[in-house]
Amino acid sequence: MTDPKPMLLVAAAALIDVDGRVLICQRPPGKQLAGLWEFPGGKLEPGETPEACLIRELDEELGITVSNACLAPFVFASHSYESFHLMMPLYLCRRWDGVVVAKEHSALAWVKPSKLGDYPMPPADAPLVAWLRDLI
């Protein structure tokens, strides 16, 4: 048996606007997977729930306030990278307070689910596109 890879738990959100578009964020230069597009979110802190993580991360990354009641569990990704295994629950969010701004990303894009495949994404995010396209 090989040494198991460490498990990394990351929570992500598909913010959906009134026109049915999904927000994706471009990873900035200097970060791993720079230039690729991802769903907003981040790593869970010790003892933190995925919902609490998203509330914190969406405020830090996008300057918006989200309540726990507005986060609906949707689907999850499980992907093995070279040095770790990533588990990522994706939540749907249709309501928030504030205006979305790119505080930590190079760019933001509101994209129809049918067009998400046009944006290069990290391996863990890419399989989630089909779920959004087919069920949103």
N, C-alpha and C. Protein backbone atom coordinates (compact mmCIF):
# COMPACT_ATOMS: atom_id res chain seq x y z
N MET A 1 0.85 -1.18 0.00
CA MET A 1 0.00 0.00 0.00
C MET A 1 0.89 1.24 0.00
N THR A 2 0.52 2.21 -0.84
CA THR A 2 1.30 3.44 -0.91
C THR A 2 0.85 4.38 0.20
N ASP A 3 1.70 5.36 0.49
CA ASP A 3 1.34 6.36 1.49
C ASP A 3 0.12 7.14 0.98
N PRO A 4 -0.89 7.30 1.83
CA PRO A 4 -2.05 8.06 1.39
C PRO A 4 -1.71 9.54 1.25
N LYS A 5 -2.37 10.19 0.32
CA LYS A 5 -2.18 11.63 0.15
C LYS A 5 -3.01 12.36 1.19
N PRO A 6 -2.54 13.51 1.62
CA PRO A 6 -3.36 14.30 2.53
C PRO A 6 -4.65 14.73 1.83
N MET A 7 -5.71 14.79 2.62
CA MET A 7 -7.02 15.22 2.11
C MET A 7 -7.17 16.72 2.34
N LEU A 8 -7.55 17.43 1.29
CA LEU A 8 -7.80 18.87 1.38
C LEU A 8 -9.28 19.09 1.14
N LEU A 9 -9.94 19.75 2.07
CA LEU A 9 -11.36 20.04 1.94
C LEU A 9 -11.53 21.52 1.60
N VAL A 10 -12.15 21.76 0.46
CA VAL A 10 -12.38 23.11 -0.04
C VAL A 10 -13.87 23.24 -0.34
N ALA A 11 -14.48 24.34 0.05
CA ALA A 11 -15.89 24.60 -0.27
C ALA A 11 -15.95 25.64 -1.39
N ALA A 12 -16.89 25.46 -2.31
CA ALA A 12 -17.04 26.38 -3.43
C ALA A 12 -18.52 26.73 -3.60
N ALA A 13 -18.75 27.87 -4.24
CA ALA A 13 -20.13 28.33 -4.47
C ALA A 13 -20.32 28.67 -5.94
N ALA A 14 -21.49 28.29 -6.44
CA ALA A 14 -21.92 28.75 -7.75
C ALA A 14 -22.93 29.86 -7.48
N LEU A 15 -22.48 31.11 -7.56
CA LEU A 15 -23.38 32.24 -7.42
C LEU A 15 -24.14 32.39 -8.72
N ILE A 16 -25.46 32.48 -8.62
CA ILE A 16 -26.30 32.53 -9.81
C ILE A 16 -27.09 33.84 -9.76
N ASP A 17 -26.96 34.65 -10.82
CA ASP A 17 -27.65 35.95 -10.83
C ASP A 17 -29.07 35.79 -11.37
N VAL A 18 -29.80 36.91 -11.43
CA VAL A 18 -31.21 36.88 -11.86
C VAL A 18 -31.37 36.45 -13.32
N ASP A 19 -30.31 36.55 -14.11
CA ASP A 19 -30.35 36.12 -15.52
C ASP A 19 -29.91 34.67 -15.69
N GLY A 20 -29.67 33.95 -14.58
CA GLY A 20 -29.27 32.55 -14.66
C GLY A 20 -27.80 32.34 -14.99
N ARG A 21 -27.00 33.40 -14.88
CA ARG A 21 -25.56 33.27 -15.13
C ARG A 21 -24.83 32.89 -13.85
N VAL A 22 -23.72 32.18 -14.00
CA VAL A 22 -22.91 31.71 -12.88
C VAL A 22 -21.62 32.52 -12.83
N LEU A 23 -21.22 32.89 -11.62
CA LEU A 23 -19.97 33.64 -11.46
C LEU A 23 -18.78 32.69 -11.42
N ILE A 24 -17.77 32.99 -12.25
CA ILE A 24 -16.48 32.30 -12.15
C ILE A 24 -15.39 33.35 -11.99
N CYS A 25 -14.29 32.93 -11.36
CA CYS A 25 -13.21 33.84 -11.00
C CYS A 25 -11.90 33.33 -11.58
N GLN A 26 -11.09 34.24 -12.11
CA GLN A 26 -9.79 33.85 -12.67
C GLN A 26 -8.71 33.93 -11.61
N ARG A 27 -7.97 32.82 -11.47
CA ARG A 27 -6.89 32.76 -10.48
C ARG A 27 -5.78 33.73 -10.88
N PRO A 28 -5.25 34.49 -9.91
CA PRO A 28 -4.27 35.52 -10.23
C PRO A 28 -2.87 34.95 -10.49
N PRO A 29 -2.02 35.75 -11.15
CA PRO A 29 -0.64 35.34 -11.37
C PRO A 29 0.04 35.08 -10.03
N GLY A 30 0.96 34.11 -10.03
CA GLY A 30 1.71 33.79 -8.83
C GLY A 30 1.07 32.71 -7.98
N LYS A 31 -0.19 32.39 -8.22
CA LYS A 31 -0.85 31.32 -7.48
C LYS A 31 -0.82 30.05 -8.31
N GLN A 32 -0.91 28.92 -7.61
CA GLN A 32 -1.00 27.64 -8.30
C GLN A 32 -2.21 27.69 -9.24
N LEU A 33 -2.06 27.14 -10.44
CA LEU A 33 -3.11 27.12 -11.47
C LEU A 33 -3.53 28.53 -11.90
N ALA A 34 -2.58 29.46 -11.89
CA ALA A 34 -2.84 30.85 -12.29
C ALA A 34 -3.44 30.90 -13.69
N GLY A 35 -4.39 31.81 -13.87
CA GLY A 35 -5.02 32.01 -15.16
C GLY A 35 -6.25 31.14 -15.40
N LEU A 36 -6.39 30.07 -14.63
CA LEU A 36 -7.57 29.22 -14.80
C LEU A 36 -8.76 29.84 -14.09
N TRP A 37 -9.95 29.45 -14.51
CA TRP A 37 -11.20 29.96 -13.95
C TRP A 37 -11.74 28.97 -12.95
N GLU A 38 -12.28 29.47 -11.84
CA GLU A 38 -12.79 28.60 -10.78
C GLU A 38 -14.04 29.20 -10.17
N PHE A 39 -14.71 28.37 -9.38
CA PHE A 39 -15.83 28.86 -8.58
C PHE A 39 -15.26 29.47 -7.31
N PRO A 40 -15.83 30.55 -6.81
CA PRO A 40 -15.29 31.16 -5.59
C PRO A 40 -15.45 30.24 -4.38
N GLY A 41 -14.55 30.39 -3.45
CA GLY A 41 -14.56 29.59 -2.23
C GLY A 41 -13.15 29.44 -1.71
N GLY A 42 -12.95 28.43 -0.86
CA GLY A 42 -11.61 28.26 -0.32
C GLY A 42 -11.52 27.12 0.66
N LYS A 43 -10.33 27.01 1.26
CA LYS A 43 -10.03 25.94 2.20
C LYS A 43 -10.75 26.15 3.52
N LEU A 44 -11.23 25.05 4.08
CA LEU A 44 -11.86 25.09 5.39
C LEU A 44 -10.78 25.25 6.46
N GLU A 45 -11.05 26.11 7.43
CA GLU A 45 -10.19 26.26 8.60
C GLU A 45 -10.52 25.12 9.57
N PRO A 46 -9.60 24.76 10.46
CA PRO A 46 -9.90 23.69 11.43
C PRO A 46 -11.20 23.98 12.20
N GLY A 47 -12.08 23.00 12.26
CA GLY A 47 -13.34 23.11 12.97
C GLY A 47 -14.43 23.89 12.24
N GLU A 48 -14.14 24.37 11.04
CA GLU A 48 -15.09 25.19 10.29
C GLU A 48 -15.99 24.30 9.42
N THR A 49 -17.26 24.65 9.33
CA THR A 49 -18.17 23.94 8.43
C THR A 49 -18.00 24.49 7.01
N PRO A 50 -18.40 23.73 5.98
CA PRO A 50 -18.32 24.26 4.62
C PRO A 50 -19.12 25.56 4.45
N GLU A 51 -20.28 25.63 5.10
CA GLU A 51 -21.09 26.85 4.99
C GLU A 51 -20.39 28.05 5.62
N ALA A 52 -19.83 27.87 6.80
CA ALA A 52 -19.11 28.96 7.46
C ALA A 52 -17.90 29.38 6.62
N CYS A 53 -17.23 28.42 6.03
CA CYS A 53 -16.09 28.71 5.15
C CYS A 53 -16.54 29.59 3.98
N LEU A 54 -17.65 29.22 3.35
CA LEU A 54 -18.12 30.01 2.21
C LEU A 54 -18.54 31.41 2.62
N ILE A 55 -19.21 31.54 3.74
CA ILE A 55 -19.60 32.87 4.21
C ILE A 55 -18.36 33.74 4.39
N ARG A 56 -17.31 33.18 5.00
CA ARG A 56 -16.05 33.91 5.21
C ARG A 56 -15.35 34.20 3.88
N GLU A 57 -15.20 33.17 3.04
CA GLU A 57 -14.47 33.33 1.78
C GLU A 57 -15.16 34.27 0.80
N LEU A 58 -16.48 34.21 0.71
CA LEU A 58 -17.20 35.09 -0.22
C LEU A 58 -17.07 36.54 0.20
N ASP A 59 -17.00 36.79 1.51
CA ASP A 59 -16.76 38.14 1.99
C ASP A 59 -15.33 38.57 1.65
N GLU A 60 -14.34 37.70 1.94
CA GLU A 60 -12.93 38.03 1.69
C GLU A 60 -12.63 38.20 0.20
N GLU A 61 -13.14 37.29 -0.64
CA GLU A 61 -12.80 37.29 -2.07
C GLU A 61 -13.63 38.24 -2.90
N LEU A 62 -14.92 38.39 -2.54
CA LEU A 62 -15.85 39.12 -3.41
C LEU A 62 -16.54 40.30 -2.74
N GLY A 63 -16.37 40.46 -1.42
CA GLY A 63 -16.97 41.58 -0.72
C GLY A 63 -18.48 41.48 -0.56
N ILE A 64 -19.01 40.26 -0.57
CA ILE A 64 -20.46 40.09 -0.40
C ILE A 64 -20.76 39.34 0.89
N THR A 65 -21.97 39.54 1.38
CA THR A 65 -22.44 38.88 2.59
C THR A 65 -23.47 37.83 2.19
N VAL A 66 -23.25 36.61 2.64
CA VAL A 66 -24.14 35.50 2.34
C VAL A 66 -24.58 34.89 3.66
N SER A 67 -25.85 34.52 3.75
CA SER A 67 -26.33 33.85 4.96
C SER A 67 -26.35 32.34 4.73
N ASN A 68 -26.25 31.61 5.81
CA ASN A 68 -26.26 30.15 5.77
C ASN A 68 -27.48 29.62 5.02
N ALA A 69 -28.64 30.27 5.23
CA ALA A 69 -29.89 29.81 4.61
C ALA A 69 -29.88 29.94 3.09
N CYS A 70 -29.00 30.75 2.55
CA CYS A 70 -28.95 30.97 1.09
C CYS A 70 -27.97 30.03 0.39
N LEU A 71 -27.32 29.15 1.14
CA LEU A 71 -26.37 28.20 0.56
C LEU A 71 -27.03 26.82 0.47
N ALA A 72 -27.24 26.35 -0.75
CA ALA A 72 -27.88 25.06 -0.97
C ALA A 72 -26.86 24.05 -1.47
N PRO A 73 -26.60 22.96 -0.72
CA PRO A 73 -25.66 21.94 -1.22
C PRO A 73 -26.14 21.41 -2.56
N PHE A 74 -25.21 21.25 -3.50
CA PHE A 74 -25.59 20.87 -4.86
C PHE A 74 -24.93 19.56 -5.30
N VAL A 75 -23.62 19.56 -5.39
CA VAL A 75 -22.87 18.40 -5.87
C VAL A 75 -21.45 18.54 -5.32
N PHE A 76 -20.63 17.50 -5.44
CA PHE A 76 -19.26 17.65 -4.98
C PHE A 76 -18.29 17.09 -6.00
N ALA A 77 -17.05 17.56 -5.91
CA ALA A 77 -15.97 17.07 -6.74
C ALA A 77 -14.97 16.33 -5.86
N SER A 78 -14.39 15.27 -6.40
CA SER A 78 -13.34 14.52 -5.73
C SER A 78 -12.24 14.32 -6.77
N HIS A 79 -11.08 14.91 -6.51
CA HIS A 79 -10.00 14.86 -7.50
C HIS A 79 -8.66 14.64 -6.82
N SER A 80 -7.88 13.74 -7.39
CA SER A 80 -6.56 13.45 -6.85
C SER A 80 -5.50 14.23 -7.63
N TYR A 81 -4.89 15.18 -6.96
CA TYR A 81 -3.75 15.90 -7.52
C TYR A 81 -2.49 15.13 -7.14
N GLU A 82 -1.34 15.57 -7.60
CA GLU A 82 -0.10 14.85 -7.38
C GLU A 82 0.23 14.70 -5.89
N SER A 83 0.03 15.78 -5.12
CA SER A 83 0.47 15.74 -3.72
C SER A 83 -0.66 15.72 -2.70
N PHE A 84 -1.91 15.80 -3.14
CA PHE A 84 -3.04 15.77 -2.21
C PHE A 84 -4.30 15.33 -2.94
N HIS A 85 -5.31 14.96 -2.15
CA HIS A 85 -6.62 14.64 -2.73
C HIS A 85 -7.58 15.73 -2.30
N LEU A 86 -8.33 16.27 -3.25
CA LEU A 86 -9.23 17.37 -2.99
C LEU A 86 -10.68 16.89 -2.97
N MET A 87 -11.40 17.27 -1.93
CA MET A 87 -12.85 17.09 -1.85
C MET A 87 -13.46 18.48 -1.83
N MET A 88 -14.42 18.72 -2.73
CA MET A 88 -14.97 20.07 -2.85
C MET A 88 -16.48 20.03 -3.02
N PRO A 89 -17.23 20.30 -1.93
CA PRO A 89 -18.66 20.46 -2.11
C PRO A 89 -18.94 21.79 -2.81
N LEU A 90 -19.88 21.75 -3.75
CA LEU A 90 -20.30 22.96 -4.47
C LEU A 90 -21.72 23.31 -4.01
N TYR A 91 -21.89 24.52 -3.58
CA TYR A 91 -23.18 25.02 -3.11
C TYR A 91 -23.73 25.99 -4.16
N LEU A 92 -25.05 26.03 -4.28
CA LEU A 92 -25.70 27.04 -5.10
C LEU A 92 -26.10 28.20 -4.21
N CYS A 93 -25.96 29.41 -4.73
CA CYS A 93 -26.32 30.61 -3.98
C CYS A 93 -26.95 31.60 -4.95
N ARG A 94 -28.20 31.96 -4.69
CA ARG A 94 -28.93 32.90 -5.55
C ARG A 94 -29.19 34.25 -4.88
N ARG A 95 -28.85 34.37 -3.58
CA ARG A 95 -29.10 35.62 -2.86
C ARG A 95 -27.89 35.99 -2.01
N TRP A 96 -27.53 37.25 -2.08
CA TRP A 96 -26.43 37.78 -1.26
C TRP A 96 -26.64 39.28 -1.14
N ASP A 97 -25.94 39.87 -0.20
CA ASP A 97 -25.97 41.32 -0.01
C ASP A 97 -24.63 41.90 -0.45
N GLY A 98 -24.71 43.04 -1.11
CA GLY A 98 -23.50 43.71 -1.58
C GLY A 98 -23.30 43.53 -3.07
N VAL A 99 -22.26 44.17 -3.56
CA VAL A 99 -21.91 44.12 -4.98
C VAL A 99 -20.65 43.28 -5.12
N VAL A 100 -20.69 42.32 -6.03
CA VAL A 100 -19.55 41.43 -6.26
C VAL A 100 -18.39 42.21 -6.87
N VAL A 101 -17.22 42.14 -6.23
CA VAL A 101 -16.00 42.77 -6.74
C VAL A 101 -14.85 41.77 -6.63
N ALA A 102 -13.90 41.87 -7.54
CA ALA A 102 -12.73 40.98 -7.53
C ALA A 102 -11.70 41.53 -6.56
N LYS A 103 -11.68 40.99 -5.33
CA LYS A 103 -10.72 41.44 -4.34
C LYS A 103 -9.43 40.61 -4.37
N GLU A 104 -9.52 39.35 -4.84
CA GLU A 104 -8.35 38.47 -4.84
C GLU A 104 -8.11 37.79 -6.19
N HIS A 105 -8.97 38.02 -7.17
CA HIS A 105 -8.84 37.36 -8.47
C HIS A 105 -8.44 38.36 -9.54
N SER A 106 -7.90 37.85 -10.66
CA SER A 106 -7.53 38.71 -11.78
C SER A 106 -8.74 39.26 -12.50
N ALA A 107 -9.81 38.45 -12.57
CA ALA A 107 -11.01 38.85 -13.30
C ALA A 107 -12.19 38.03 -12.81
N LEU A 108 -13.38 38.54 -13.07
CA LEU A 108 -14.62 37.84 -12.77
C LEU A 108 -15.42 37.77 -14.06
N ALA A 109 -16.24 36.72 -14.20
CA ALA A 109 -17.11 36.60 -15.37
C ALA A 109 -18.43 35.97 -14.96
N TRP A 110 -19.52 36.58 -15.42
CA TRP A 110 -20.85 36.00 -15.26
C TRP A 110 -21.15 35.26 -16.56
N VAL A 111 -21.34 33.95 -16.45
CA VAL A 111 -21.39 33.09 -17.63
C VAL A 111 -22.63 32.20 -17.60
N LYS A 112 -23.31 32.10 -18.73
CA LYS A 112 -24.42 31.15 -18.85
C LYS A 112 -23.86 29.74 -18.65
N PRO A 113 -24.58 28.86 -17.95
CA PRO A 113 -24.07 27.51 -17.72
C PRO A 113 -23.65 26.79 -19.01
N SER A 114 -24.34 27.03 -20.10
CA SER A 114 -23.99 26.37 -21.37
C SER A 114 -22.65 26.85 -21.93
N LYS A 115 -22.13 27.97 -21.44
CA LYS A 115 -20.87 28.53 -21.93
C LYS A 115 -19.70 28.33 -20.97
N LEU A 116 -19.95 27.72 -19.80
CA LEU A 116 -18.87 27.53 -18.82
C LEU A 116 -17.72 26.70 -19.38
N GLY A 117 -18.02 25.76 -20.26
CA GLY A 117 -16.98 24.93 -20.86
C GLY A 117 -16.00 25.69 -21.72
N ASP A 118 -16.32 26.94 -22.05
CA ASP A 118 -15.42 27.78 -22.85
C ASP A 118 -14.27 28.36 -22.03
N TYR A 119 -14.33 28.20 -20.71
CA TYR A 119 -13.32 28.77 -19.82
C TYR A 119 -12.47 27.65 -19.24
N PRO A 120 -11.14 27.71 -19.40
CA PRO A 120 -10.28 26.67 -18.82
C PRO A 120 -10.35 26.69 -17.30
N MET A 121 -10.57 25.51 -16.71
CA MET A 121 -10.74 25.39 -15.26
C MET A 121 -9.78 24.36 -14.70
N PRO A 122 -9.51 24.45 -13.38
CA PRO A 122 -8.70 23.40 -12.74
C PRO A 122 -9.41 22.05 -12.88
N PRO A 123 -8.66 20.96 -12.84
CA PRO A 123 -9.26 19.63 -13.01
C PRO A 123 -10.40 19.31 -12.06
N ALA A 124 -10.37 19.83 -10.83
CA ALA A 124 -11.43 19.54 -9.88
C ALA A 124 -12.72 20.31 -10.21
N ASP A 125 -12.61 21.51 -10.77
CA ASP A 125 -13.78 22.33 -11.07
C ASP A 125 -14.47 21.90 -12.37
N ALA A 126 -13.70 21.49 -13.35
CA ALA A 126 -14.25 21.21 -14.68
C ALA A 126 -15.42 20.23 -14.69
N PRO A 127 -15.39 19.11 -13.94
CA PRO A 127 -16.52 18.18 -14.00
C PRO A 127 -17.83 18.76 -13.45
N LEU A 128 -17.75 19.82 -12.67
CA LEU A 128 -18.95 20.43 -12.10
C LEU A 128 -19.75 21.19 -13.14
N VAL A 129 -19.10 21.57 -14.23
CA VAL A 129 -19.75 22.34 -15.28
C VAL A 129 -20.95 21.58 -15.86
N ALA A 130 -20.82 20.29 -16.11
CA ALA A 130 -21.92 19.51 -16.68
C ALA A 130 -23.13 19.51 -15.76
N TRP A 131 -22.89 19.41 -14.46
CA TRP A 131 -24.00 19.44 -13.50
C TRP A 131 -24.73 20.79 -13.56
N LEU A 132 -23.97 21.86 -13.60
CA LEU A 132 -24.60 23.18 -13.67
C LEU A 132 -25.34 23.36 -14.99
N ARG A 133 -24.74 22.94 -16.08
CA ARG A 133 -25.36 23.07 -17.40
C ARG A 133 -26.67 22.29 -17.47
N ASP A 134 -26.68 21.08 -16.92
CA ASP A 134 -27.84 20.22 -17.05
C ASP A 134 -28.94 20.49 -16.02
N LEU A 135 -28.60 21.08 -14.88
CA LEU A 135 -29.58 21.19 -13.80
C LEU A 135 -29.94 22.61 -13.40
N ILE A 136 -29.30 23.60 -13.98
CA ILE A 136 -29.64 24.99 -13.65
C ILE A 136 -30.62 25.52 -14.67
